[in-house]
Amino acid sequence: MYQLALASLPAQTDDGLRDACGNDPTQFCEWVYDQTSNETLASITAWAVDRPLRIVIIVLAAWVLSRVLGRAIEHFGERLTDDKKNETLQEFRHGRAGRFMIDEQSEQRTIARTETLTSVLSSAASMTVWSIAALVVLGEVGISLAPLIAGAGIAGVAIGFGAQTVVRDFLTGFFMLVEDQYGVGDVIDVGEVSGTVERVTLRTTVLRDVTGNVWHVPNGEISRVGNMSQLWSRAVLDIDVAYDTDLRYAQGIIQRVADEVWQDEEFDGGDIIDPPEVWGIENM
């Protein structure tokens, strides 16, 4: 009888601890129950102190992780745009233009690309971190996550089918910014329309053509891009002369005047980066 009583004592203790702190008791709740042997006090303490403390820790961890990811993404965006810019400039400097300099417009374009990329990536990372933190907090409160996850999955599939074009526009715009295909101020040809880029977002590109019309082109519909002004562009001038003109003499004058303009930095501010060439007769 004595041995049987000793064997039943831990079982009674486990039942009381389970009633007070649940099937998976925390150390704090278990400590309160061991000190007081009061199921109600241990249960209230676990509900008022232990669970809010874990929620605060989860929120704090999510905030720290969001900040760290934001800094990392910002650094990554700066490195990405700088590397792309340096790569393009190196390829350009290997050519014939030796007086090319990065102007203020190019710097502003790089800054705008960096801000756009880092803003999008930071928002996506922050949304992911806080969504996971919210699910963990709901689990701590005692709400079953299975119905929520199932409902979110069904809603995600429905939204995905209904917003395929929007997702395609955003993905195309993102890679367009990463690859620096064009930017504000560039003259581009996207197939059906061409003109000067006035605004670029992740979803649309706004162009103004030579007649003044403004075109809003979804990025997902742009299958090819011809950039006619990235880093440099070529200006072809057709100069008419009379039929009885000495062509060699005329070409010599045109070449001399063009070279004088090219060497006069006060006139063009160094915008003419290659020596002009006279190619010859274009047509009659």
Protein backbone atom coordinates (compact mmCIF):
# COMPACT_ATOMS: atom_id res chain seq x y z
CA MET A 1 0.00 0.00 0.00
CA TYR A 2 2.80 2.39 0.81
CA GLN A 3 4.51 1.86 -2.58
CA LEU A 4 1.21 2.33 -4.43
CA ALA A 5 0.61 5.70 -2.73
CA LEU A 6 4.07 6.93 -3.72
CA ALA A 7 3.50 5.88 -7.33
CA SER A 8 0.22 7.78 -7.57
CA LEU A 9 1.62 11.08 -6.23
CA PRO A 10 3.49 12.18 -9.44
CA ALA A 11 0.41 11.34 -11.49
CA GLN A 12 -1.72 13.66 -9.38
CA THR A 13 0.95 16.35 -9.63
CA ASP A 14 1.10 15.98 -13.43
CA ASP A 15 -2.69 16.24 -13.66
CA GLY A 16 -2.70 19.46 -11.63
CA LEU A 17 0.12 20.95 -13.68
CA ARG A 18 -1.67 19.97 -16.87
CA ASP A 19 -4.90 21.58 -15.69
CA ALA A 20 -3.08 24.77 -14.74
CA CYS A 21 -0.60 25.15 -17.59
CA GLY A 22 -1.86 22.88 -20.36
CA ASN A 23 -0.30 19.89 -22.05
CA ASP A 24 2.85 21.82 -22.91
CA PRO A 25 3.56 23.90 -19.80
CA THR A 26 6.10 26.70 -19.94
CA GLN A 27 8.89 26.97 -17.42
CA PHE A 28 7.43 30.13 -15.88
CA CYS A 29 3.97 28.59 -15.35
CA GLU A 30 5.51 25.40 -14.03
CA TRP A 31 7.66 27.40 -11.61
CA VAL A 32 4.62 29.32 -10.29
CA TYR A 33 2.70 26.07 -9.82
CA ASP A 34 5.64 24.44 -8.03
CA GLN A 35 5.94 27.41 -5.69
CA THR A 36 2.24 27.88 -4.91
CA SER A 37 0.56 24.57 -5.84
CA ASN A 38 -2.35 26.77 -6.93
CA GLU A 39 -3.78 25.85 -10.32
CA THR A 40 -5.81 29.06 -10.70
CA LEU A 41 -2.88 31.34 -9.87
CA ALA A 42 -0.55 29.47 -12.21
CA SER A 43 -3.13 29.60 -15.02
CA ILE A 44 -3.76 33.35 -14.53
CA THR A 45 -0.04 34.05 -14.37
CA ALA A 46 0.56 32.14 -17.60
CA TRP A 47 -2.24 34.03 -19.34
CA ALA A 48 -1.30 37.51 -18.01
CA VAL A 49 2.50 37.32 -18.05
CA ASP A 50 3.93 34.41 -19.99
CA ARG A 51 1.85 34.66 -23.17
CA PRO A 52 2.07 38.50 -23.53
CA LEU A 53 5.81 38.26 -22.93
CA ARG A 54 6.20 35.77 -25.77
CA ILE A 55 4.07 37.98 -28.04
CA VAL A 56 6.27 40.98 -27.21
CA ILE A 57 9.37 38.91 -28.00
CA ILE A 58 7.87 37.83 -31.34
CA VAL A 59 7.00 41.41 -32.30
CA LEU A 60 10.43 42.66 -31.25
CA ALA A 61 12.17 39.92 -33.24
CA ALA A 62 10.05 40.73 -36.30
CA TRP A 63 10.91 44.44 -35.98
CA VAL A 64 14.65 43.72 -35.70
CA LEU A 65 14.57 41.27 -38.62
CA SER A 66 12.64 43.76 -40.75
CA ARG A 67 15.16 46.49 -40.04
CA VAL A 68 18.12 44.20 -40.79
CA LEU A 69 16.58 43.05 -44.06
CA GLY A 70 15.81 46.65 -45.01
CA ARG A 71 19.45 47.69 -44.50
CA ALA A 72 20.69 44.63 -46.40
CA ILE A 73 18.32 45.30 -49.31
CA GLU A 74 19.34 48.97 -49.41
CA HIS A 75 23.02 47.99 -49.60
CA PHE A 76 22.21 45.36 -52.23
CA GLY A 77 20.30 47.89 -54.35
CA GLU A 78 23.17 50.38 -54.23
CA ARG A 79 25.70 47.73 -55.21
CA LEU A 80 23.45 46.44 -57.98
CA THR A 81 22.90 49.82 -59.61
CA ASP A 82 26.52 50.91 -59.16
CA ASP A 83 27.84 47.67 -60.68
CA LYS A 84 25.46 47.99 -63.62
CA LYS A 85 26.45 51.61 -64.17
CA ASN A 86 30.17 50.89 -63.96
CA GLU A 87 29.84 47.92 -66.31
CA THR A 88 28.04 50.02 -68.91
CA LEU A 89 30.53 52.87 -68.61
CA GLN A 90 33.51 50.54 -68.99
CA GLU A 91 32.04 49.07 -72.15
CA PHE A 92 31.41 52.57 -73.44
CA ARG A 93 34.90 53.84 -72.64
CA HIS A 94 36.44 51.01 -74.61
CA GLY A 95 34.92 52.60 -77.68
CA ARG A 96 35.99 55.70 -79.52
CA ALA A 97 34.47 58.28 -77.17
CA GLY A 98 37.13 59.38 -74.74
CA ARG A 99 35.62 62.54 -73.29
CA PHE A 100 32.49 61.03 -71.83
CA MET A 101 31.61 62.13 -68.30
CA ILE A 102 28.74 61.12 -66.02
CA ASP A 103 26.41 64.08 -65.93
CA GLU A 104 23.90 65.09 -63.31
CA GLN A 105 21.01 63.46 -65.16
CA SER A 106 22.77 60.08 -65.11
CA GLU A 107 23.38 60.37 -61.38
CA GLN A 108 19.75 61.27 -60.71
CA ARG A 109 18.62 58.33 -62.83
CA THR A 110 20.81 55.94 -60.83
CA ILE A 111 19.46 57.32 -57.56
CA ALA A 112 15.87 56.97 -58.78
CA ARG A 113 16.45 53.35 -59.83
CA THR A 114 18.06 52.54 -56.49
CA GLU A 115 15.21 54.10 -54.51
CA THR A 116 12.57 52.27 -56.56
CA LEU A 117 14.25 48.87 -56.30
CA THR A 118 15.02 49.14 -52.59
CA SER A 119 11.52 50.43 -51.84
CA VAL A 120 9.85 47.49 -53.59
CA LEU A 121 12.16 44.85 -52.12
CA SER A 122 11.99 46.36 -48.64
CA SER A 123 8.19 46.46 -48.75
CA ALA A 124 8.01 42.84 -49.88
CA ALA A 125 10.46 41.68 -47.20
CA SER A 126 8.72 43.68 -44.46
CA MET A 127 5.30 42.36 -45.49
CA THR A 128 6.59 38.77 -45.42
CA VAL A 129 8.22 39.14 -41.99
CA TRP A 130 5.19 40.80 -40.39
CA SER A 131 2.78 38.33 -41.96
CA ILE A 132 4.70 35.42 -40.45
CA ALA A 133 4.89 37.24 -37.12
CA ALA A 134 1.12 37.84 -37.19
CA LEU A 135 0.47 34.13 -37.78
CA VAL A 136 2.77 33.17 -34.91
CA VAL A 137 1.04 35.66 -32.60
CA LEU A 138 -2.37 34.25 -33.54
CA GLY A 139 -1.07 30.80 -32.72
CA GLU A 140 0.09 32.07 -29.32
CA VAL A 141 -3.34 33.56 -28.65
CA GLY A 142 -4.89 30.18 -29.34
CA ILE A 143 -6.49 30.75 -32.73
CA SER A 144 -6.28 27.78 -35.09
CA LEU A 145 -4.15 28.64 -38.10
CA ALA A 146 -5.28 25.82 -40.38
CA PRO A 147 -8.51 27.53 -41.57
CA LEU A 148 -6.70 30.83 -42.03
CA ILE A 149 -3.92 29.28 -44.10
CA ALA A 150 -6.42 27.30 -46.19
CA GLY A 151 -8.53 30.42 -46.82
CA ALA A 152 -5.45 32.47 -47.69
CA GLY A 153 -4.32 29.78 -50.13
CA ILE A 154 -7.68 29.74 -51.90
CA ALA A 155 -7.77 33.55 -52.03
CA GLY A 156 -4.21 33.64 -53.36
CA VAL A 157 -5.07 31.23 -56.17
CA ALA A 158 -8.15 33.26 -57.11
CA ILE A 159 -6.25 36.54 -57.05
CA GLY A 160 -3.41 34.98 -59.03
CA PHE A 161 -5.74 33.90 -61.83
CA GLY A 162 -7.47 37.28 -61.90
CA ALA A 163 -4.34 39.42 -61.74
CA GLN A 164 -1.96 37.61 -64.09
CA THR A 165 -1.44 40.68 -66.27
CA VAL A 166 -0.76 42.89 -63.24
CA VAL A 167 1.80 40.42 -61.88
CA ARG A 168 3.42 40.22 -65.31
CA ASP A 169 3.59 44.02 -65.50
CA PHE A 170 5.26 44.24 -62.08
CA LEU A 171 7.79 41.49 -62.83
CA THR A 172 8.67 43.01 -66.19
CA GLY A 173 9.03 46.46 -64.63
CA PHE A 174 11.24 45.09 -61.87
CA PHE A 175 13.67 43.38 -64.26
CA MET A 176 13.58 46.42 -66.54
CA LEU A 177 14.79 48.57 -63.64
CA VAL A 178 17.42 46.02 -62.59
CA GLU A 179 18.81 45.76 -66.12
CA ASP A 180 18.54 49.54 -66.68
CA GLN A 181 16.94 49.11 -70.10
CA TYR A 182 15.72 52.72 -70.12
CA GLY A 183 14.93 55.58 -67.79
CA VAL A 184 13.33 59.00 -67.59
CA GLY A 185 14.54 61.21 -70.44
CA ASP A 186 15.47 58.37 -72.82
CA VAL A 187 14.00 58.22 -76.30
CA ILE A 188 12.76 54.67 -76.85
CA ASP A 189 10.84 52.61 -79.38
CA VAL A 190 8.61 49.94 -77.85
CA GLY A 191 7.02 48.72 -81.07
CA GLU A 192 3.72 50.44 -81.70
CA VAL A 193 4.77 53.76 -80.15
CA SER A 194 7.99 55.67 -79.61
CA GLY A 195 8.86 58.82 -77.74
CA THR A 196 10.54 60.32 -74.70
CA VAL A 197 10.14 58.53 -71.36
CA GLU A 198 8.45 60.85 -68.88
CA ARG A 199 7.74 58.43 -66.03
CA VAL A 200 8.60 54.84 -65.19
CA THR A 201 6.83 52.71 -62.59
CA LEU A 202 6.79 49.01 -61.92
CA ARG A 203 3.50 48.67 -63.80
CA THR A 204 3.57 51.20 -66.64
CA THR A 205 5.88 53.32 -68.76
CA VAL A 206 4.69 56.78 -69.81
CA LEU A 207 5.90 58.07 -73.19
CA ARG A 208 5.35 61.33 -75.05
CA ASP A 209 5.71 61.12 -78.82
CA VAL A 210 6.79 63.86 -81.23
CA THR A 211 3.20 65.04 -81.71
CA GLY A 212 2.73 65.56 -77.96
CA ASN A 213 0.56 62.51 -77.30
CA VAL A 214 1.13 60.76 -73.96
CA TRP A 215 1.13 56.97 -74.10
CA HIS A 216 0.70 54.76 -71.02
CA VAL A 217 2.23 51.41 -71.92
CA PRO A 218 1.91 48.44 -69.49
CA ASN A 219 5.35 46.96 -68.93
CA GLY A 220 4.08 43.43 -69.51
CA GLU A 221 3.12 44.33 -73.09
CA ILE A 222 6.62 45.54 -73.98
CA SER A 223 8.26 42.65 -75.82
CA ARG A 224 11.21 44.65 -77.17
CA VAL A 225 12.77 48.05 -76.48
CA GLY A 226 14.94 50.17 -78.73
CA ASN A 227 16.74 52.80 -76.67
CA MET A 228 17.92 55.60 -78.95
CA SER A 229 19.57 57.79 -76.30
CA GLN A 230 21.14 55.62 -73.59
CA LEU A 231 24.60 57.00 -72.76
CA TRP A 232 25.00 58.32 -76.31
CA SER A 233 23.15 58.71 -79.59
CA ARG A 234 24.12 59.46 -83.16
CA ALA A 235 22.82 62.51 -85.01
CA VAL A 236 22.75 62.18 -88.81
CA LEU A 237 22.57 65.50 -90.68
CA ASP A 238 21.70 65.58 -94.37
CA ILE A 239 23.09 68.75 -95.95
CA ASP A 240 21.80 69.69 -99.40
CA VAL A 241 24.15 71.20 -101.97
CA ALA A 242 23.63 72.17 -105.60
CA TYR A 243 24.33 69.65 -108.37
CA ASP A 244 27.19 71.75 -109.79
CA THR A 245 29.02 71.88 -106.40
CA ASP A 246 32.51 70.37 -106.11
CA LEU A 247 31.75 67.46 -103.76
CA ARG A 248 35.30 67.13 -102.37
CA TYR A 249 35.41 70.85 -101.63
CA ALA A 250 31.98 70.75 -99.98
CA GLN A 251 32.91 67.70 -97.89
CA GLY A 252 36.10 69.41 -96.76
CA ILE A 253 34.20 72.51 -95.60
CA ILE A 254 31.58 70.42 -93.81
CA GLN A 255 34.29 68.35 -92.10
CA ARG A 256 36.25 71.44 -91.02
CA VAL A 257 33.21 73.22 -89.58
CA ALA A 258 32.07 70.06 -87.78
CA ASP A 259 35.54 69.57 -86.25
CA GLU A 260 35.59 73.18 -85.03
CA VAL A 261 32.21 72.71 -83.35
CA TRP A 262 33.37 69.42 -81.79
CA GLN A 263 36.52 71.01 -80.34
CA ASP A 264 34.70 74.09 -79.05
CA GLU A 265 33.53 72.95 -75.61
CA GLU A 266 32.05 76.38 -74.88
CA PHE A 267 29.64 75.81 -77.76
CA ASP A 268 28.44 72.27 -77.00
CA GLY A 269 29.62 71.78 -73.40
CA GLY A 270 31.37 68.57 -74.37
CA ASP A 271 28.12 66.97 -75.52
CA ILE A 272 29.66 65.89 -78.84
CA ILE A 273 31.72 62.95 -77.66
CA ASP A 274 33.00 61.52 -80.98
CA PRO A 275 34.74 63.31 -83.85
CA PRO A 276 32.23 64.04 -86.62
CA GLU A 277 32.46 62.08 -89.87
CA VAL A 278 31.39 62.99 -93.37
CA TRP A 279 30.10 59.79 -94.93
CA GLY A 280 29.52 60.98 -98.48
CA ILE A 281 26.60 61.23 -100.85
CA GLU A 282 23.31 59.93 -99.43
CA ASN A 283 21.01 60.39 -102.44
CA MET A 284 20.39 62.54 -105.46
